[in-house]
Amino acid sequence: MSYILGTYLRSVKENFVKGKGCYLYTDKGEKYLDFVQGIAVNALGHNHEYLVKTMKNQADKPWHLSNL
C-alpha cells in the first residue's frame, strides 16, 4: 500500500504569476476570476494588504518557543 498522496494533472495551461483579491494574473497579463482557490484553504483571497502586513510583521518574531 502506498502512503504517498496522489497528484493530478492541471487542466489549466496558463502560467499564473500573481494574485490580488479574487483574481489571478498570468505571465501574459490576462486576468482570471479565481473561484476555486484550492482544497482545504482559507478563502481569504490573494495578497490581502492587511494579511500580508500582519504575516510580514509576525515573520520577524520567534516562530516557535518550547514550553520546557
Protein backbone atom coordinates (compact mmCIF):
# COMPACT_ATOMS: atom_id res chain seq x y z
CA MET A 1 0.00 0.00 0.00
CA SER A 2 1.34 3.39 -0.95
CA TYR A 3 1.29 6.15 1.63
CA ILE A 4 2.08 8.89 -0.86
CA LEU A 5 -0.74 11.26 -1.73
CA GLY A 6 -1.62 11.11 -5.40
CA THR A 7 -1.26 14.13 -7.63
CA TYR A 8 -3.38 15.19 -10.53
CA LEU A 9 -2.68 16.86 -13.85
CA ARG A 10 -3.60 20.51 -14.03
CA SER A 11 -6.32 21.15 -16.55
CA VAL A 12 -5.30 24.81 -16.74
CA LYS A 13 -2.37 25.61 -19.00
CA GLU A 14 -1.99 29.26 -18.01
CA ASN A 15 1.06 30.30 -16.01
CA PHE A 16 -0.29 32.30 -13.05
CA VAL A 17 2.31 34.66 -11.64
CA LYS A 18 0.40 36.81 -9.14
CA GLY A 19 -2.92 37.22 -7.41
CA LYS A 20 -4.88 40.13 -5.96
CA GLY A 21 -8.17 39.70 -4.14
CA CYS A 22 -10.25 37.14 -6.02
CA TYR A 23 -8.24 37.42 -9.25
CA LEU A 24 -5.21 35.62 -10.69
CA TYR A 25 -2.94 37.08 -13.37
CA THR A 26 -0.91 35.22 -15.98
CA ASP A 27 2.54 35.95 -17.29
CA LYS A 28 0.76 37.36 -20.36
CA GLY A 29 -1.20 39.89 -18.26
CA GLU A 30 -4.51 38.04 -18.54
CA LYS A 31 -6.90 38.37 -15.57
CA TYR A 32 -8.93 35.40 -14.28
CA LEU A 33 -11.53 35.13 -11.54
CA ASP A 34 -10.28 32.53 -9.03
CA PHE A 35 -13.47 30.78 -7.96
CA VAL A 36 -11.68 27.58 -6.86
CA GLN A 37 -8.84 28.77 -4.56
CA GLY A 38 -7.70 25.26 -3.70
CA ILE A 39 -8.68 22.47 -1.38
CA ALA A 40 -8.73 22.89 2.42
CA VAL A 41 -7.56 26.51 2.40
CA ASN A 42 -8.96 29.68 3.85
CA ALA A 43 -10.74 31.56 1.09
CA LEU A 44 -9.29 34.93 2.03
CA GLY A 45 -8.29 35.97 -1.46
CA HIS A 46 -4.81 36.67 -2.76
CA ASN A 47 -2.36 39.27 -1.49
CA HIS A 48 -4.73 40.90 1.01
CA GLU A 49 -2.99 44.06 2.24
CA TYR A 50 -3.79 43.57 5.95
CA LEU A 51 -2.87 39.87 5.95
CA VAL A 52 0.41 40.45 4.12
CA LYS A 53 1.38 43.21 6.58
CA THR A 54 0.47 41.02 9.56
CA MET A 55 2.39 37.99 8.26
CA LYS A 56 5.48 40.06 7.47
CA ASN A 57 5.37 41.55 10.97
CA GLN A 58 5.00 38.11 12.55
CA ALA A 59 7.83 36.65 10.45
CA ASP A 60 10.29 38.91 12.29
CA LYS A 61 9.33 37.31 15.62
CA PRO A 62 10.16 33.86 17.02
CA TRP A 63 8.10 31.19 15.22
CA HIS A 64 8.14 28.59 17.96
CA LEU A 65 9.26 28.57 21.57
CA SER A 66 9.37 25.41 23.66
CA ASN A 67 7.40 25.27 26.89
CA LEU A 68 10.30 23.46 28.61
